[in-house]
Amino acid sequence: MHDPAEPHFNCTDRERAIFEAGIKLGTIYHQYVGVPINLSNLDSLAIAIRESVLVQPFVSGAEVKIDPEMVKKRQGVYKYITLAGEMLDVKIEITYKKEKVVARLNYIPDMAYPLMYIE
């Protein structure tokens, strides 16, 4: 794939792949956290998140899971809650030229934090 932005990046191809992974994971987190959910729309939301990231440049694979047990535990009187970062488990694969990286957004209990990292 021709990359017209390449001249603007002063980094290795691997560093560019990692940069792209960070952009994609940050977009997922900040775009979808806060969306109203219940058990009936978890699968369709996970598919929508996956499909939206797959159309972005350099994304060669994606998996999205939303923890239904957390949703069950937190449902209130109206039977819905909003998506929180700790409910997401996202794995994306970025391929930039010959470099491939796998990045993850996953809740780390020891840190009590939804961490974005390179696997």
N, C-alpha and C. Protein backbone atom coordinates (compact mmCIF):
# COMPACT_ATOMS: atom_id res chain seq x y z
N MET A 1 0.85 -1.18 0.00
CA MET A 1 0.00 0.00 0.00
C MET A 1 0.89 1.24 0.00
N HIS A 2 0.64 2.15 -0.91
CA HIS A 2 1.36 3.42 -0.96
C HIS A 2 0.94 4.27 0.24
N ASP A 3 1.90 4.86 0.91
CA ASP A 3 1.62 5.68 2.08
C ASP A 3 2.05 7.12 1.83
N PRO A 4 1.12 7.99 1.46
CA PRO A 4 1.48 9.38 1.17
C PRO A 4 1.97 10.14 2.40
N ALA A 5 1.71 9.65 3.60
CA ALA A 5 2.16 10.33 4.82
C ALA A 5 3.58 9.95 5.22
N GLU A 6 4.14 8.94 4.57
CA GLU A 6 5.46 8.42 4.97
C GLU A 6 6.53 9.50 5.12
N PRO A 7 6.63 10.48 4.23
CA PRO A 7 7.69 11.49 4.38
C PRO A 7 7.60 12.31 5.69
N HIS A 8 6.45 12.29 6.31
CA HIS A 8 6.25 13.06 7.54
C HIS A 8 6.66 12.31 8.80
N PHE A 9 7.04 11.06 8.65
CA PHE A 9 7.40 10.24 9.81
C PHE A 9 8.90 9.97 9.81
N ASN A 10 9.56 10.41 10.86
CA ASN A 10 10.98 10.18 11.03
C ASN A 10 11.16 9.03 12.02
N CYS A 11 10.88 7.81 11.56
CA CYS A 11 10.93 6.65 12.44
C CYS A 11 11.10 5.39 11.60
N THR A 12 11.35 4.28 12.28
CA THR A 12 11.46 3.00 11.59
C THR A 12 10.07 2.51 11.20
N ASP A 13 10.01 1.52 10.34
CA ASP A 13 8.72 0.94 9.96
C ASP A 13 8.04 0.31 11.16
N ARG A 14 8.80 -0.33 12.05
CA ARG A 14 8.21 -0.92 13.26
C ARG A 14 7.63 0.17 14.16
N GLU A 15 8.36 1.25 14.34
CA GLU A 15 7.85 2.35 15.15
C GLU A 15 6.57 2.93 14.54
N ARG A 16 6.51 2.99 13.24
CA ARG A 16 5.30 3.49 12.57
C ARG A 16 4.14 2.53 12.81
N ALA A 17 4.40 1.23 12.75
CA ALA A 17 3.34 0.25 13.01
C ALA A 17 2.83 0.40 14.45
N ILE A 18 3.73 0.61 15.38
CA ILE A 18 3.34 0.79 16.78
C ILE A 18 2.54 2.08 16.94
N PHE A 19 2.97 3.14 16.30
CA PHE A 19 2.22 4.41 16.32
C PHE A 19 0.80 4.19 15.80
N GLU A 20 0.67 3.52 14.67
CA GLU A 20 -0.65 3.27 14.09
C GLU A 20 -1.52 2.44 15.04
N ALA A 21 -0.92 1.48 15.71
CA ALA A 21 -1.67 0.66 16.67
C ALA A 21 -2.21 1.53 17.80
N GLY A 22 -1.38 2.43 18.30
CA GLY A 22 -1.81 3.31 19.38
C GLY A 22 -2.95 4.22 18.96
N ILE A 23 -2.88 4.73 17.76
CA ILE A 23 -3.96 5.58 17.23
C ILE A 23 -5.27 4.79 17.18
N LYS A 24 -5.20 3.57 16.66
CA LYS A 24 -6.42 2.77 16.51
C LYS A 24 -7.03 2.41 17.86
N LEU A 25 -6.19 1.97 18.81
CA LEU A 25 -6.72 1.60 20.13
C LEU A 25 -7.28 2.81 20.86
N GLY A 26 -6.60 3.94 20.76
CA GLY A 26 -7.10 5.16 21.39
C GLY A 26 -8.43 5.59 20.81
N THR A 27 -8.57 5.44 19.51
CA THR A 27 -9.83 5.77 18.85
C THR A 27 -10.96 4.87 19.35
N ILE A 28 -10.70 3.58 19.43
CA ILE A 28 -11.72 2.66 19.92
C ILE A 28 -12.14 3.04 21.34
N TYR A 29 -11.17 3.24 22.19
CA TYR A 29 -11.48 3.55 23.59
C TYR A 29 -12.32 4.82 23.70
N HIS A 30 -11.86 5.89 23.10
CA HIS A 30 -12.52 7.17 23.30
C HIS A 30 -13.80 7.34 22.48
N GLN A 31 -13.96 6.54 21.45
CA GLN A 31 -15.19 6.62 20.67
C GLN A 31 -16.31 5.80 21.29
N TYR A 32 -15.99 4.66 21.88
CA TYR A 32 -17.04 3.73 22.30
C TYR A 32 -17.32 3.68 23.80
N VAL A 33 -16.37 4.04 24.64
CA VAL A 33 -16.64 4.04 26.08
C VAL A 33 -17.74 5.06 26.35
N GLY A 34 -18.76 4.62 27.06
CA GLY A 34 -19.91 5.47 27.35
C GLY A 34 -21.14 5.13 26.53
N VAL A 35 -21.00 4.22 25.56
CA VAL A 35 -22.13 3.79 24.73
C VAL A 35 -23.11 2.98 25.59
N PRO A 36 -24.41 3.22 25.49
CA PRO A 36 -25.38 2.42 26.24
C PRO A 36 -25.37 0.96 25.77
N ILE A 37 -25.32 0.04 26.73
CA ILE A 37 -25.30 -1.38 26.39
C ILE A 37 -26.17 -2.18 27.35
N ASN A 38 -26.59 -3.34 26.90
CA ASN A 38 -27.13 -4.39 27.74
C ASN A 38 -26.77 -5.70 27.06
N LEU A 39 -27.23 -6.79 27.60
CA LEU A 39 -26.83 -8.10 27.04
C LEU A 39 -27.30 -8.29 25.61
N SER A 40 -28.34 -7.57 25.20
CA SER A 40 -28.89 -7.78 23.86
C SER A 40 -28.05 -7.16 22.75
N ASN A 41 -27.21 -6.17 23.06
CA ASN A 41 -26.47 -5.53 21.98
C ASN A 41 -24.95 -5.70 22.07
N LEU A 42 -24.46 -6.55 22.96
CA LEU A 42 -23.01 -6.73 23.09
C LEU A 42 -22.38 -7.27 21.82
N ASP A 43 -22.96 -8.29 21.25
CA ASP A 43 -22.37 -8.88 20.04
C ASP A 43 -22.37 -7.90 18.87
N SER A 44 -23.49 -7.20 18.68
CA SER A 44 -23.54 -6.27 17.55
C SER A 44 -22.59 -5.10 17.76
N LEU A 45 -22.41 -4.65 18.99
CA LEU A 45 -21.47 -3.57 19.25
C LEU A 45 -20.03 -4.04 19.03
N ALA A 46 -19.70 -5.25 19.49
CA ALA A 46 -18.35 -5.80 19.27
C ALA A 46 -18.06 -5.91 17.77
N ILE A 47 -19.04 -6.35 17.01
CA ILE A 47 -18.87 -6.45 15.55
C ILE A 47 -18.68 -5.06 14.95
N ALA A 48 -19.48 -4.10 15.38
CA ALA A 48 -19.36 -2.73 14.85
C ALA A 48 -17.98 -2.14 15.15
N ILE A 49 -17.48 -2.35 16.35
CA ILE A 49 -16.14 -1.86 16.71
C ILE A 49 -15.10 -2.52 15.82
N ARG A 50 -15.20 -3.84 15.68
CA ARG A 50 -14.24 -4.58 14.85
C ARG A 50 -14.28 -4.09 13.40
N GLU A 51 -15.47 -3.97 12.85
CA GLU A 51 -15.61 -3.54 11.46
C GLU A 51 -15.09 -2.11 11.25
N SER A 52 -15.31 -1.25 12.24
CA SER A 52 -14.85 0.13 12.08
C SER A 52 -13.33 0.23 12.11
N VAL A 53 -12.68 -0.60 12.89
CA VAL A 53 -11.21 -0.53 12.93
C VAL A 53 -10.60 -1.22 11.72
N LEU A 54 -11.27 -2.22 11.18
CA LEU A 54 -10.73 -2.94 10.02
C LEU A 54 -10.64 -2.09 8.75
N VAL A 55 -11.44 -1.04 8.66
CA VAL A 55 -11.38 -0.20 7.45
C VAL A 55 -10.26 0.84 7.53
N GLN A 56 -9.61 0.97 8.67
CA GLN A 56 -8.57 1.97 8.82
C GLN A 56 -7.25 1.47 8.21
N PRO A 57 -6.40 2.40 7.78
CA PRO A 57 -5.14 2.02 7.12
C PRO A 57 -4.27 1.12 7.99
N PHE A 58 -3.69 0.12 7.36
CA PHE A 58 -2.68 -0.77 7.93
C PHE A 58 -3.22 -1.79 8.93
N VAL A 59 -4.52 -1.84 9.16
CA VAL A 59 -5.09 -2.83 10.06
C VAL A 59 -5.29 -4.13 9.28
N SER A 60 -4.61 -5.18 9.71
CA SER A 60 -4.71 -6.45 9.00
C SER A 60 -5.52 -7.50 9.77
N GLY A 61 -5.93 -7.18 10.98
CA GLY A 61 -6.76 -8.09 11.75
C GLY A 61 -7.26 -7.43 13.02
N ALA A 62 -8.40 -7.91 13.52
CA ALA A 62 -8.95 -7.34 14.75
C ALA A 62 -9.89 -8.34 15.42
N GLU A 63 -9.85 -8.35 16.74
CA GLU A 63 -10.79 -9.12 17.56
C GLU A 63 -11.30 -8.20 18.65
N VAL A 64 -12.61 -8.24 18.90
CA VAL A 64 -13.20 -7.38 19.93
C VAL A 64 -14.14 -8.24 20.77
N LYS A 65 -13.94 -8.18 22.08
CA LYS A 65 -14.82 -8.88 23.02
C LYS A 65 -15.26 -7.89 24.09
N ILE A 66 -16.52 -8.03 24.50
CA ILE A 66 -17.07 -7.24 25.60
C ILE A 66 -17.53 -8.22 26.66
N ASP A 67 -17.05 -8.06 27.88
CA ASP A 67 -17.30 -9.02 28.96
C ASP A 67 -18.77 -8.99 29.40
N PRO A 68 -19.53 -10.04 29.07
CA PRO A 68 -20.95 -10.05 29.44
C PRO A 68 -21.17 -10.20 30.95
N GLU A 69 -20.23 -10.81 31.67
CA GLU A 69 -20.40 -10.98 33.12
C GLU A 69 -20.39 -9.62 33.83
N MET A 70 -19.54 -8.72 33.37
CA MET A 70 -19.52 -7.38 33.96
C MET A 70 -20.83 -6.66 33.70
N VAL A 71 -21.37 -6.86 32.51
CA VAL A 71 -22.64 -6.22 32.16
C VAL A 71 -23.75 -6.77 33.05
N LYS A 72 -23.79 -8.09 33.24
CA LYS A 72 -24.81 -8.71 34.10
C LYS A 72 -24.75 -8.16 35.52
N LYS A 73 -23.54 -8.00 36.05
CA LYS A 73 -23.37 -7.55 37.43
C LYS A 73 -23.78 -6.11 37.64
N ARG A 74 -23.66 -5.29 36.61
CA ARG A 74 -23.85 -3.85 36.78
C ARG A 74 -25.20 -3.32 36.30
N GLN A 75 -26.02 -4.16 35.68
CA GLN A 75 -27.30 -3.67 35.15
C GLN A 75 -28.16 -3.12 36.28
N GLY A 76 -28.70 -1.97 36.05
CA GLY A 76 -29.55 -1.34 37.04
C GLY A 76 -31.02 -1.60 36.78
N VAL A 77 -31.83 -0.78 37.34
CA VAL A 77 -33.27 -0.93 37.25
C VAL A 77 -33.77 -0.86 35.81
N TYR A 78 -33.09 -0.11 34.95
CA TYR A 78 -33.52 0.01 33.56
C TYR A 78 -32.85 -1.01 32.65
N LYS A 79 -32.09 -1.90 33.22
CA LYS A 79 -31.46 -3.03 32.50
C LYS A 79 -30.48 -2.61 31.41
N TYR A 80 -29.83 -1.48 31.63
CA TYR A 80 -28.74 -1.11 30.73
C TYR A 80 -27.71 -0.34 31.53
N ILE A 81 -26.50 -0.30 31.01
CA ILE A 81 -25.41 0.47 31.59
C ILE A 81 -24.64 1.09 30.43
N THR A 82 -23.54 1.74 30.73
CA THR A 82 -22.70 2.26 29.66
C THR A 82 -21.40 1.46 29.61
N LEU A 83 -20.90 1.30 28.41
CA LEU A 83 -19.66 0.54 28.21
C LEU A 83 -18.52 1.23 28.94
N ALA A 84 -17.74 0.43 29.66
CA ALA A 84 -16.57 0.93 30.39
C ALA A 84 -15.33 0.25 29.84
N GLY A 85 -14.20 0.91 29.99
CA GLY A 85 -12.95 0.38 29.47
C GLY A 85 -12.60 -1.00 29.99
N GLU A 86 -12.94 -1.27 31.24
CA GLU A 86 -12.60 -2.59 31.79
C GLU A 86 -13.42 -3.74 31.21
N MET A 87 -14.44 -3.43 30.45
CA MET A 87 -15.25 -4.47 29.79
C MET A 87 -14.67 -4.90 28.45
N LEU A 88 -13.74 -4.11 27.91
CA LEU A 88 -13.22 -4.36 26.57
C LEU A 88 -11.98 -5.25 26.57
N ASP A 89 -11.94 -6.11 25.60
CA ASP A 89 -10.74 -6.89 25.29
C ASP A 89 -10.58 -6.81 23.77
N VAL A 90 -9.64 -5.98 23.34
CA VAL A 90 -9.45 -5.72 21.92
C VAL A 90 -8.03 -6.10 21.52
N LYS A 91 -7.93 -6.81 20.43
CA LYS A 91 -6.62 -7.15 19.87
C LYS A 91 -6.63 -6.72 18.41
N ILE A 92 -5.63 -5.95 18.01
CA ILE A 92 -5.52 -5.56 16.62
C ILE A 92 -4.14 -5.91 16.08
N GLU A 93 -4.12 -6.21 14.82
CA GLU A 93 -2.88 -6.51 14.12
C GLU A 93 -2.65 -5.42 13.09
N ILE A 94 -1.48 -4.80 13.16
CA ILE A 94 -1.11 -3.74 12.23
C ILE A 94 0.04 -4.25 11.37
N THR A 95 -0.09 -4.08 10.07
CA THR A 95 0.98 -4.43 9.15
C THR A 95 1.38 -3.16 8.41
N TYR A 96 2.61 -2.76 8.62
CA TYR A 96 3.15 -1.60 7.92
C TYR A 96 4.41 -2.06 7.18
N LYS A 97 4.31 -2.04 5.87
CA LYS A 97 5.35 -2.59 4.99
C LYS A 97 5.61 -4.03 5.42
N LYS A 98 6.81 -4.35 5.87
CA LYS A 98 7.12 -5.74 6.27
C LYS A 98 7.01 -5.96 7.78
N GLU A 99 6.64 -4.93 8.49
CA GLU A 99 6.53 -5.03 9.95
C GLU A 99 5.10 -5.34 10.37
N LYS A 100 4.98 -6.23 11.34
CA LYS A 100 3.67 -6.60 11.86
C LYS A 100 3.72 -6.51 13.38
N VAL A 101 2.76 -5.81 13.97
CA VAL A 101 2.67 -5.75 15.43
C VAL A 101 1.25 -6.11 15.86
N VAL A 102 1.16 -6.68 17.04
CA VAL A 102 -0.13 -6.99 17.65
C VAL A 102 -0.25 -6.12 18.90
N ALA A 103 -1.31 -5.36 18.96
CA ALA A 103 -1.54 -4.46 20.08
C ALA A 103 -2.83 -4.85 20.78
N ARG A 104 -2.91 -4.51 22.04
CA ARG A 104 -4.02 -4.97 22.85
C ARG A 104 -4.55 -3.85 23.73
N LEU A 105 -5.83 -3.84 23.93
CA LEU A 105 -6.51 -3.03 24.94
C LEU A 105 -7.21 -4.04 25.83
N ASN A 106 -6.77 -4.13 27.08
CA ASN A 106 -7.29 -5.16 27.96
C ASN A 106 -7.19 -4.67 29.40
N TYR A 107 -8.19 -5.00 30.18
CA TYR A 107 -8.19 -4.62 31.59
C TYR A 107 -7.19 -5.48 32.35
N ILE A 108 -6.30 -4.81 33.09
CA ILE A 108 -5.30 -5.49 33.90
C ILE A 108 -5.71 -5.34 35.37
N PRO A 109 -6.24 -6.42 35.99
CA PRO A 109 -6.75 -6.31 37.36
C PRO A 109 -5.72 -5.80 38.37
N ASP A 110 -4.48 -6.24 38.27
CA ASP A 110 -3.45 -5.80 39.22
C ASP A 110 -3.23 -4.29 39.17
N MET A 111 -3.47 -3.72 38.01
CA MET A 111 -3.31 -2.28 37.84
C MET A 111 -4.64 -1.54 37.99
N ALA A 112 -5.75 -2.29 37.97
CA ALA A 112 -7.10 -1.70 37.96
C ALA A 112 -7.20 -0.66 36.84
N TYR A 113 -6.77 -1.10 35.64
CA TYR A 113 -6.65 -0.15 34.53
C TYR A 113 -6.81 -0.86 33.18
N PRO A 114 -7.56 -0.26 32.26
CA PRO A 114 -7.65 -0.80 30.90
C PRO A 114 -6.40 -0.36 30.10
N LEU A 115 -5.43 -1.22 30.02
CA LEU A 115 -4.12 -0.89 29.45
C LEU A 115 -4.07 -1.14 27.95
N MET A 116 -3.42 -0.24 27.23
CA MET A 116 -3.12 -0.42 25.81
C MET A 116 -1.63 -0.75 25.72
N TYR A 117 -1.31 -1.86 25.04
CA TYR A 117 0.08 -2.30 25.02
C TYR A 117 0.36 -3.13 23.77
N ILE A 118 1.65 -3.34 23.51
CA ILE A 118 2.11 -4.19 22.41
C ILE A 118 2.33 -5.59 22.98
N GLU A 119 1.74 -6.59 22.34
CA GLU A 119 1.92 -7.97 22.85
C GLU A 119 3.27 -8.54 22.53
